[in-house]
C-alpha atoms as a PDB file:
ATOM      1  CA  MET A   1      89.261 112.968 114.762  1.00  0.00           C
ATOM      2  CA  ALA A   2      88.635 113.736 111.084  1.00  0.00           C
ATOM      3  CA  ASN A   3      90.643 116.488 109.449  1.00  0.00           C
ATOM      4  CA  GLY A   4      88.661 116.168 106.242  1.00  0.00           C
ATOM      5  CA  PRO A   5      90.125 116.142 102.766  1.00  0.00           C
ATOM      6  CA  GLN A   6      92.246 119.154 102.041  1.00  0.00           C
ATOM      7  CA  GLY A   7      91.912 121.112  98.857  1.00  0.00           C
ATOM      8  CA  GLY A   8      88.279 121.495  97.868  1.00  0.00           C
ATOM      9  CA  TRP A   9      88.089 124.475  95.502  1.00  0.00           C
ATOM     10  CA  ALA A  10      91.863 124.700  95.235  1.00  0.00           C
ATOM     11  CA  ALA A  11      92.063 121.093  94.041  1.00  0.00           C
ATOM     12  CA  MET A  12      89.374 121.789  91.441  1.00  0.00           C
ATOM     13  CA  ALA A  13      91.319 124.870  90.346  1.00  0.00           C
ATOM     14  CA  ASP A  14      94.435 122.698  89.999  1.00  0.00           C
ATOM     15  CA  GLU A  15      92.455 120.279  87.847  1.00  0.00           C
ATOM     16  CA  SER A  16      91.274 123.147  85.649  1.00  0.00           C
ATOM     17  CA  LEU A  17      94.838 124.430  85.311  1.00  0.00           C
ATOM     18  CA  ARG A  18      96.044 120.956  84.306  1.00  0.00           C
ATOM     19  CA  ALA A  19      93.257 120.707  81.723  1.00  0.00           C
ATOM     20  CA  LEU A  20      94.442 124.003  80.221  1.00  0.00           C
ATOM     21  CA  GLY A  21      98.023 122.761  80.171  1.00  0.00           C
ATOM     22  CA  THR A  22      99.079 125.213  82.900  1.00  0.00           C
ATOM     23  CA  PRO A  23     101.360 123.634  85.492  1.00  0.00           C
ATOM     24  CA  VAL A  24     100.253 123.549  89.119  1.00  0.00           C
ATOM     25  CA  ALA A  25     102.807 125.158  91.425  1.00  0.00           C
ATOM     26  CA  PHE A  26     104.393 122.638  93.778  1.00  0.00           C
ATOM     27  CA  ASP A  27     104.534 125.227  96.575  1.00  0.00           C
ATOM     28  CA  ASP A  28     100.761 125.750  96.458  1.00  0.00           C
ATOM     29  CA  PHE A  29     100.164 122.000  96.398  1.00  0.00           C
ATOM     30  CA  TYR A  30     102.526 121.474  99.339  1.00  0.00           C
ATOM     31  CA  VAL A  31     100.980 124.197 101.508  1.00  0.00           C
ATOM     32  CA  ARG A  32      97.455 122.894 100.837  1.00  0.00           C
ATOM     33  CA  GLU A  33      98.125 119.163 101.311  1.00  0.00           C
ATOM     34  CA  PHE A  34     100.871 118.987 103.940  1.00  0.00           C
ATOM     35  CA  PRO A  35      98.702 119.205 107.106  1.00  0.00           C
ATOM     36  CA  ALA A  36      96.371 116.396 106.009  1.00  0.00           C
ATOM     37  CA  VAL A  37      99.245 114.191 104.849  1.00  0.00           C
ATOM     38  CA  VAL A  38     101.018 114.650 108.206  1.00  0.00           C
ATOM     39  CA  GLY A  39      97.745 113.718 109.921  1.00  0.00           C
ATOM     40  CA  LEU A  40      97.508 110.530 107.885  1.00  0.00           C
ATOM     41  CA  ALA A  41     101.139 109.672 108.593  1.00  0.00           C
ATOM     42  CA  TYR A  42     100.580 110.302 112.312  1.00  0.00           C
ATOM     43  CA  ALA A  43      97.553 108.023 112.389  1.00  0.00           C
ATOM     44  CA  LEU A  44      99.581 105.258 110.766  1.00  0.00           C
ATOM     45  CA  SER A  45     102.845 105.741 112.672  1.00  0.00           C
ATOM     46  CA  GLY A  46     101.829 107.025 116.107  1.00  0.00           C
ATOM     47  CA  SER A  47     104.780 109.405 116.153  1.00  0.00           C
ATOM     48  CA  ARG A  48     104.440 113.142 115.459  1.00  0.00           C
ATOM     49  CA  ALA A  49     108.110 113.510 114.495  1.00  0.00           C
ATOM     50  CA  GLY A  50     107.953 110.334 112.440  1.00  0.00           C
ATOM     51  CA  ALA A  51     104.789 111.574 110.732  1.00  0.00           C
ATOM     52  CA  GLU A  52     106.438 114.821 109.720  1.00  0.00           C
ATOM     53  CA  ASP A  53     109.452 112.896 108.406  1.00  0.00           C
ATOM     54  CA  LEU A  54     107.194 110.564 106.409  1.00  0.00           C
ATOM     55  CA  ALA A  55     105.260 113.484 104.945  1.00  0.00           C
ATOM     56  CA  GLN A  56     108.440 115.364 104.060  1.00  0.00           C
ATOM     57  CA  GLU A  57     109.864 112.286 102.373  1.00  0.00           C
ATOM     58  CA  ALA A  58     106.668 111.799 100.341  1.00  0.00           C
ATOM     59  CA  PHE A  59     106.595 115.460  99.298  1.00  0.00           C
ATOM     60  CA  LEU A  60     110.285 115.308  98.413  1.00  0.00           C
ATOM     61  CA  ALA A  61     109.524 112.361  96.111  1.00  0.00           C
ATOM     62  CA  ALA A  62     106.657 114.367  94.595  1.00  0.00           C
ATOM     63  CA  HIS A  63     108.914 117.383  94.107  1.00  0.00           C
ATOM     64  CA  ARG A  64     111.588 115.299  92.392  1.00  0.00           C
ATOM     65  CA  SER A  65     108.995 114.019  89.925  1.00  0.00           C
ATOM     66  CA  TRP A  66     106.734 117.071  89.891  1.00  0.00           C
ATOM     67  CA  ASP A  67     106.622 117.267  86.077  1.00  0.00           C
ATOM     68  CA  ARG A  68     105.002 113.829  86.063  1.00  0.00           C
ATOM     69  CA  VAL A  69     103.098 113.947  89.385  1.00  0.00           C
ATOM     70  CA  SER A  70     101.508 117.351  88.713  1.00  0.00           C
ATOM     71  CA  GLY A  71      99.935 115.884  85.585  1.00  0.00           C
ATOM     72  CA  TYR A  72      98.016 113.264  87.574  1.00  0.00           C
ATOM     73  CA  ASP A  73      94.322 113.819  88.171  1.00  0.00           C
ATOM     74  CA  GLU A  74      95.002 113.701  91.925  1.00  0.00           C
ATOM     75  CA  PRO A  75      98.603 114.407  92.919  1.00  0.00           C
ATOM     76  CA  GLY A  76      97.424 114.361  96.555  1.00  0.00           C
ATOM     77  CA  ALA A  77      96.386 110.737  96.165  1.00  0.00           C
ATOM     78  CA  TRP A  78      99.863 109.905  94.854  1.00  0.00           C
ATOM     79  CA  VAL A  79     101.512 111.566  97.881  1.00  0.00           C
ATOM     80  CA  ARG A  80      99.163 109.735 100.269  1.00  0.00           C
ATOM     81  CA  ARG A  81      99.999 106.394  98.631  1.00  0.00           C
ATOM     82  CA  VAL A  82     103.696 107.159  99.101  1.00  0.00           C
ATOM     83  CA  VAL A  83     103.046 107.978 102.792  1.00  0.00           C
ATOM     84  CA  THR A  84     101.124 104.748 103.368  1.00  0.00           C
ATOM     85  CA  ASN A  85     103.953 102.754 101.797  1.00  0.00           C
ATOM     86  CA  LEU A  86     106.630 104.648 103.715  1.00  0.00           C
ATOM     87  CA  SER A  87     104.744 104.122 106.979  1.00  0.00           C
ATOM     88  CA  VAL A  88     104.942 100.367 106.491  1.00  0.00           C
ATOM     89  CA  SER A  89     108.694 100.637 105.997  1.00  0.00           C
ATOM     90  CA  MET A  90     108.997 102.880 109.057  1.00  0.00           C
ATOM     91  CA  ILE A  91     107.043 100.480 111.263  1.00  0.00           C
ATOM     92  CA  ARG A  92     109.156  97.541 110.080  1.00  0.00           C
ATOM     93  CA  ARG A  93     112.342  99.529 110.663  1.00  0.00           C
ATOM     94  CA  ARG A  94     111.154 100.524 114.158  1.00  0.00           C
ATOM     95  CA  ALA A  95     110.411  96.896 115.001  1.00  0.00           C
ATOM     96  CA  VAL A  96     113.885  95.805 113.914  1.00  0.00           C
ATOM     97  CA  GLU A  97     115.480  98.678 115.845  1.00  0.00           C
ATOM     98  CA  ALA A  98     113.438  97.904 118.958  1.00  0.00           C
ATOM     99  CA  LYS A  99     114.505  94.248 118.873  1.00  0.00           C
ATOM    100  CA  ALA A 100     118.144  95.260 118.455  1.00  0.00           C
ATOM    101  CA  LEU A 101     117.905  97.738 121.335  1.00  0.00           C
ATOM    102  CA  ALA A 102     116.236  95.155 123.543  1.00  0.00           C
ATOM    103  CA  ARG A 103     119.008  92.650 122.796  1.00  0.00           C
ATOM    104  CA  THR A 104     121.778  95.144 123.511  1.00  0.00           C
ATOM    105  CA  ALA A 105     120.105  96.611 126.578  1.00  0.00           C
ATOM    106  CA  VAL A 106     119.670  93.126 128.086  1.00  0.00           C
ATOM    107  CA  GLY A 107     116.034  93.248 128.960  1.00  0.00           C
ATOM    108  CA  ALA A 108     115.502  97.019 128.899  1.00  0.00           C
ATOM    109  CA  VAL A 109     112.318  98.044 127.103  1.00  0.00           C
ATOM    110  CA  PRO A 110     112.876 100.720 124.450  1.00  0.00           C
ATOM    111  CA  PRO A 111     110.771 103.858 125.039  1.00  0.00           C
ATOM    112  CA  LEU A 112     107.725 104.328 122.856  1.00  0.00           C
ATOM    113  CA  PRO A 113     107.072 107.658 121.162  1.00  0.00           C
ATOM    114  CA  ALA A 114     104.744 109.949 123.113  1.00  0.00           C
ATOM    115  CA  LEU A 115     101.189 110.228 121.771  1.00  0.00           C
ATOM    116  CA  SER A 116      99.338 113.440 122.408  1.00  0.00           C
ATOM    117  CA  THR A 117      95.929 112.901 120.796  1.00  0.00           C
ATOM    118  CA  GLU A 118      92.676 112.251 122.612  1.00  0.00           C
ATOM    119  CA  ASP A 119      92.181 109.179 120.461  1.00  0.00           C
ATOM    120  CA  VAL A 120      95.245 107.277 121.658  1.00  0.00           C
ATOM    121  CA  ALA A 121      93.484 103.946 122.255  1.00  0.00           C
ATOM    122  CA  PHE A 122      91.649 104.048 118.930  1.00  0.00           C
ATOM    123  CA  TRP A 123      94.726 104.810 116.811  1.00  0.00           C
ATOM    124  CA  ALA A 124      96.826 102.322 118.776  1.00  0.00           C
ATOM    125  CA  ALA A 125      94.229  99.683 117.899  1.00  0.00           C
ATOM    126  CA  VAL A 126      94.243 100.824 114.263  1.00  0.00           C
ATOM    127  CA  ARG A 127      98.025 100.418 114.108  1.00  0.00           C
ATOM    128  CA  LYS A 128      97.617  96.810 115.298  1.00  0.00           C
ATOM    129  CA  LEU A 129      95.397  95.986 112.328  1.00  0.00           C
ATOM    130  CA  PRO A 130      96.887  94.417 109.221  1.00  0.00           C
ATOM    131  CA  ARG A 131      98.707  97.066 107.169  1.00  0.00           C
ATOM    132  CA  ARG A 132      96.107  97.586 104.441  1.00  0.00           C
ATOM    133  CA  GLN A 133      93.194  97.658 106.921  1.00  0.00           C
ATOM    134  CA  ALA A 134      95.000 100.341 108.956  1.00  0.00           C
ATOM    135  CA  GLN A 135      95.639 102.397 105.819  1.00  0.00           C
ATOM    136  CA  VAL A 136      92.012 102.146 104.684  1.00  0.00           C
ATOM    137  CA  ILE A 137      90.652 103.005 108.158  1.00  0.00           C
ATOM    138  CA  ALA A 138      92.990 106.007 108.485  1.00  0.00           C
ATOM    139  CA  LEU A 139      92.133 107.415 105.066  1.00  0.00           C
ATOM    140  CA  HIS A 140      88.403 106.812 105.493  1.00  0.00           C
ATOM    141  CA  TYR A 141      87.973 108.089 109.045  1.00  0.00           C
ATOM    142  CA  LEU A 142      90.868 110.484 109.627  1.00  0.00           C
ATOM    143  CA  GLU A 143      90.581 112.217 106.273  1.00  0.00           C
ATOM    144  CA  ASP A 144      86.884 111.511 105.731  1.00  0.00           C
ATOM    145  CA  ARG A 145      87.654 109.971 102.329  1.00  0.00           C
ATOM    146  CA  SER A 146      85.058 108.052 100.360  1.00  0.00           C
ATOM    147  CA  VAL A 147      85.542 104.439  99.331  1.00  0.00           C
ATOM    148  CA  VAL A 148      86.235 105.637  95.785  1.00  0.00           C
ATOM    149  CA  GLU A 149      88.893 108.090  96.979  1.00  0.00           C
ATOM    150  CA  VAL A 150      90.561 105.512  99.220  1.00  0.00           C
ATOM    151  CA  ALA A 151      90.632 103.026  96.337  1.00  0.00           C
ATOM    152  CA  ARG A 152      92.237 105.634  94.096  1.00  0.00           C
ATOM    153  CA  ILE A 153      94.820 106.672  96.701  1.00  0.00           C
ATOM    154  CA  LEU A 154      95.875 103.099  97.497  1.00  0.00           C
ATOM    155  CA  ASP A 155      95.451 101.899  93.904  1.00  0.00           C
ATOM    156  CA  ILE A 156      93.153  99.035  94.899  1.00  0.00           C
ATOM    157  CA  ALA A 157      89.607  98.047  93.905  1.00  0.00           C
ATOM    158  CA  GLU A 158      86.626  99.678  95.627  1.00  0.00           C
ATOM    159  CA  GLY A 159      85.397  96.240  96.697  1.00  0.00           C
ATOM    160  CA  THR A 160      88.760  95.610  98.346  1.00  0.00           C
ATOM    161  CA  VAL A 161      88.447  98.910 100.242  1.00  0.00           C
ATOM    162  CA  LYS A 162      84.961  97.908 101.431  1.00  0.00           C
ATOM    163  CA  LYS A 163      86.260  94.516 102.577  1.00  0.00           C
ATOM    164  CA  HIS A 164      89.159  96.111 104.486  1.00  0.00           C
ATOM    165  CA  LEU A 165      86.793  98.648 106.081  1.00  0.00           C
ATOM    166  CA  HIS A 166      84.416  95.878 107.129  1.00  0.00           C
ATOM    167  CA  ASP A 167      87.151  93.627 108.522  1.00  0.00           C
ATOM    168  CA  GLY A 168      88.939  96.562 110.187  1.00  0.00           C
ATOM    169  CA  ARG A 169      85.749  97.769 111.872  1.00  0.00           C
ATOM    170  CA  LEU A 170      85.008  94.286 113.217  1.00  0.00           C
ATOM    171  CA  ALA A 171      88.537  93.953 114.569  1.00  0.00           C
ATOM    172  CA  LEU A 172      88.359  97.395 116.188  1.00  0.00           C
ATOM    173  CA  VAL A 173      85.011  96.604 117.797  1.00  0.00           C
ATOM    174  CA  ARG A 174      86.538  93.492 119.356  1.00  0.00           C
ATOM    175  CA  ARG A 175      89.779  95.170 120.391  1.00  0.00           C
ATOM    176  CA  LEU A 176      88.109  98.223 121.883  1.00  0.00           C
ATOM    177  CA  GLY A 177      85.388  96.212 123.631  1.00  0.00           C
ATOM    178  CA  LEU A 178      82.509  97.797 121.738  1.00  0.00           C
ATOM    179  CA  ASP A 179      80.612  94.538 121.116  1.00  0.00           C
ATOM    180  CA  GLY A 180      77.312  95.942 122.396  1.00  0.00           C
ATOM    181  CA  GLU A 181      77.318  98.918 119.993  1.00  0.00           C
ATOM    182  CA  GLU A 182      75.686  98.730 116.593  1.00  0.00           C
ATOM    183  CA  ASP A 183      77.920 101.083 114.599  1.00  0.00           C
ATOM    184  CA  ALA A 184      81.678 101.061 115.045  1.00  0.00           C
END
Protein backbone atom coordinates (compact mmCIF):
# COMPACT_ATOMS: atom_id res chain seq x y z
CA MET A 1 0.00 0.00 0.00
CA ALA A 2 2.73 2.51 0.86
CA ASN A 3 4.81 3.95 -1.95
CA GLY A 4 7.05 5.77 0.49
CA PRO A 5 8.22 9.34 0.14
CA GLN A 6 9.97 9.99 -3.12
CA GLY A 7 13.22 11.86 -3.29
CA GLY A 8 15.52 10.86 -0.46
CA TRP A 9 19.06 11.80 -1.53
CA ALA A 10 17.80 13.72 -4.55
CA ALA A 11 15.63 15.92 -2.33
CA MET A 12 18.61 16.60 -0.06
CA ALA A 13 20.68 17.45 -3.13
CA ASP A 14 17.94 19.87 -4.22
CA GLU A 15 18.06 21.48 -0.78
CA SER A 16 21.83 21.85 -1.05
CA LEU A 17 21.49 23.40 -4.51
CA ARG A 18 18.91 25.88 -3.20
CA ALA A 19 21.21 26.79 -0.30
CA LEU A 20 23.96 27.56 -2.82
CA GLY A 21 21.58 29.66 -4.88
CA THR A 22 21.57 27.14 -7.74
CA PRO A 23 18.10 26.55 -9.17
CA VAL A 24 16.62 23.06 -9.07
CA ALA A 25 15.58 21.85 -12.51
CA PHE A 26 11.82 21.43 -12.80
CA ASP A 27 12.26 18.38 -15.04
CA ASP A 28 14.27 16.54 -12.38
CA PHE A 29 11.74 17.48 -9.71
CA TYR A 30 8.85 16.32 -11.90
CA VAL A 31 10.41 12.95 -12.76
CA ARG A 32 11.24 12.26 -9.10
CA GLU A 33 7.92 13.35 -7.55
CA PHE A 34 5.29 12.51 -10.17
CA PRO A 35 4.72 8.81 -9.31
CA ALA A 36 4.15 9.50 -5.61
CA VAL A 37 1.90 12.49 -6.31
CA VAL A 38 -0.22 10.40 -8.71
CA GLY A 39 -0.45 7.74 -5.99
CA LEU A 40 -1.69 10.31 -3.49
CA ALA A 41 -4.20 11.69 -5.98
CA TYR A 42 -5.42 8.15 -6.74
CA ALA A 43 -5.91 7.38 -3.06
CA LEU A 44 -7.99 10.53 -2.67
CA SER A 45 -9.96 10.34 -5.92
CA GLY A 46 -10.35 6.62 -6.64
CA SER A 47 -9.81 7.22 -10.34
CA ARG A 48 -6.51 6.47 -12.11
CA ALA A 49 -7.26 8.87 -14.97
CA GLY A 50 -8.51 11.49 -12.54
CA ALA A 51 -5.39 11.03 -10.41
CA GLU A 52 -3.12 11.63 -13.37
CA ASP A 53 -5.13 14.73 -14.31
CA LEU A 54 -4.91 16.05 -10.74
CA ALA A 55 -1.17 15.45 -10.61
CA GLN A 56 -0.62 17.08 -14.00
CA GLU A 57 -2.64 20.10 -12.94
CA ALA A 58 -0.64 20.44 -9.70
CA PHE A 59 2.68 20.13 -11.55
CA LEU A 60 1.49 22.63 -14.15
CA ALA A 61 0.79 25.10 -11.32
CA ALA A 62 4.26 24.39 -9.92
CA HIS A 63 5.84 24.91 -13.33
CA ARG A 64 4.06 28.23 -13.82
CA SER A 65 5.44 29.45 -10.50
CA TRP A 66 8.69 27.47 -10.51
CA ASP A 67 10.85 30.51 -9.69
CA ARG A 68 8.95 30.84 -6.42
CA VAL A 69 8.11 27.16 -5.74
CA SER A 70 11.67 25.91 -6.34
CA GLY A 71 12.83 28.22 -3.56
CA TYR A 72 10.64 26.49 -0.97
CA ASP A 73 12.27 24.10 1.46
CA GLU A 74 9.96 21.35 0.16
CA PRO A 75 8.49 21.99 -3.28
CA GLY A 76 7.07 18.45 -3.14
CA ALA A 77 4.98 19.41 -0.13
CA TRP A 78 3.59 22.38 -2.07
CA VAL A 79 2.59 20.13 -5.00
CA ARG A 80 0.96 17.63 -2.62
CA ARG A 81 -1.04 20.41 -0.96
CA VAL A 82 -2.24 21.52 -4.40
CA VAL A 83 -3.27 17.91 -5.19
CA THR A 84 -5.19 17.53 -1.93
CA ASN A 85 -7.04 20.78 -2.62
CA LEU A 86 -7.72 19.86 -6.25
CA SER A 87 -9.02 16.44 -5.19
CA VAL A 88 -11.67 18.10 -3.05
CA SER A 89 -12.76 20.18 -6.02
CA MET A 90 -12.79 17.10 -8.25
CA ILE A 91 -14.92 15.10 -5.81
CA ARG A 92 -17.38 17.99 -5.48
CA ARG A 93 -17.51 18.38 -9.26
CA ARG A 94 -18.08 14.62 -9.69
CA ALA A 95 -20.93 14.70 -7.18
CA VAL A 96 -22.62 17.57 -9.01
CA GLU A 97 -22.12 15.82 -12.36
CA ALA A 98 -23.47 12.53 -11.01
CA LYS A 99 -26.61 14.24 -9.69
CA ALA A 100 -27.14 15.98 -13.03
CA LEU A 101 -26.67 12.71 -14.93
CA ALA A 102 -29.05 10.91 -12.61
CA ARG A 103 -31.69 13.60 -13.14
CA THR A 104 -31.34 13.53 -16.92
CA ALA A 105 -31.13 9.75 -17.15
CA VAL A 106 -34.34 9.39 -15.11
CA GLY A 107 -33.20 6.92 -12.54
CA ALA A 108 -30.12 5.55 -14.31
CA VAL A 109 -27.10 5.23 -12.03
CA PRO A 110 -23.96 6.85 -13.44
CA PRO A 111 -21.04 4.40 -13.76
CA LEU A 112 -18.30 4.64 -11.17
CA PRO A 113 -14.66 4.70 -12.23
CA ALA A 114 -12.98 1.28 -12.18
CA LEU A 115 -10.61 0.64 -9.27
CA SER A 116 -7.77 -1.75 -9.84
CA THR A 117 -5.93 -1.85 -6.51
CA GLU A 118 -6.00 -4.67 -3.99
CA ASP A 119 -6.99 -2.17 -1.33
CA VAL A 120 -10.30 -1.13 -2.88
CA ALA A 121 -12.38 -1.41 0.31
CA PHE A 122 -9.83 0.45 2.42
CA TRP A 123 -9.44 3.40 0.04
CA ALA A 124 -13.19 3.53 -0.58
CA ALA A 125 -13.64 3.86 3.18
CA VAL A 126 -10.91 6.52 3.31
CA ARG A 127 -12.70 8.55 0.63
CA LYS A 128 -15.85 8.50 2.79
CA LEU A 129 -14.01 10.17 5.67
CA PRO A 130 -14.20 13.92 6.11
CA ARG A 131 -11.91 15.65 3.60
CA ARG A 132 -9.04 16.53 5.93
CA GLN A 133 -9.06 13.09 7.61
CA ALA A 134 -8.84 11.42 4.18
CA GLN A 135 -5.95 13.67 3.18
CA VAL A 136 -4.05 12.99 6.41
CA ILE A 137 -4.64 9.21 6.20
CA ALA A 138 -3.52 9.10 2.55
CA LEU A 139 -0.35 11.09 3.16
CA HIS A 140 0.53 9.18 6.32
CA TYR A 141 -0.17 5.64 5.13
CA LEU A 142 0.12 5.77 1.34
CA GLU A 143 3.27 7.87 1.29
CA ASP A 144 4.55 6.81 4.71
CA ARG A 145 4.84 10.46 5.77
CA SER A 146 5.49 11.47 9.35
CA VAL A 147 3.11 13.68 11.31
CA VAL A 148 5.55 16.56 10.86
CA GLU A 149 5.68 16.05 7.09
CA VAL A 150 1.90 15.78 6.79
CA ALA A 151 1.49 18.97 8.83
CA ARG A 152 3.94 20.77 6.55
CA ILE A 153 2.30 19.50 3.35
CA LEU A 154 -1.22 20.45 4.44
CA ASP A 155 -0.09 23.59 6.27
CA ILE A 156 -1.80 22.59 9.51
CA ALA A 157 -0.56 22.06 13.08
CA GLU A 158 1.01 18.73 14.07
CA GLY A 159 -1.61 18.34 16.80
CA THR A 160 -4.33 18.74 14.18
CA VAL A 161 -2.71 16.00 12.07
CA LYS A 162 -2.63 13.70 15.11
CA LYS A 163 -6.30 14.41 15.83
CA HIS A 164 -7.29 13.70 12.21
CA LEU A 165 -5.23 10.48 12.22
CA HIS A 166 -6.87 9.36 15.46
CA ASP A 167 -10.41 10.19 14.33
CA GLY A 168 -9.80 8.74 10.85
CA ARG A 169 -8.45 5.48 12.26
CA LEU A 170 -11.45 5.10 14.58
CA ALA A 171 -13.86 5.74 11.71
CA LEU A 172 -12.04 3.24 9.48
CA VAL A 173 -12.08 0.59 12.20
CA ARG A 174 -15.85 0.99 12.48
CA ARG A 175 -16.46 1.13 8.74
CA LEU A 176 -14.25 -1.84 7.93
CA GLY A 177 -15.54 -3.93 10.84
CA LEU A 178 -12.18 -4.21 12.58
CA ASP A 179 -13.52 -3.57 16.11
CA GLY A 180 -11.76 -6.61 17.58
CA GLU A 181 -8.29 -5.54 16.37
CA GLU A 182 -6.00 -3.44 18.51
CA ASP A 183 -4.13 -1.48 15.83
CA ALA A 184 -5.93 -0.08 12.81
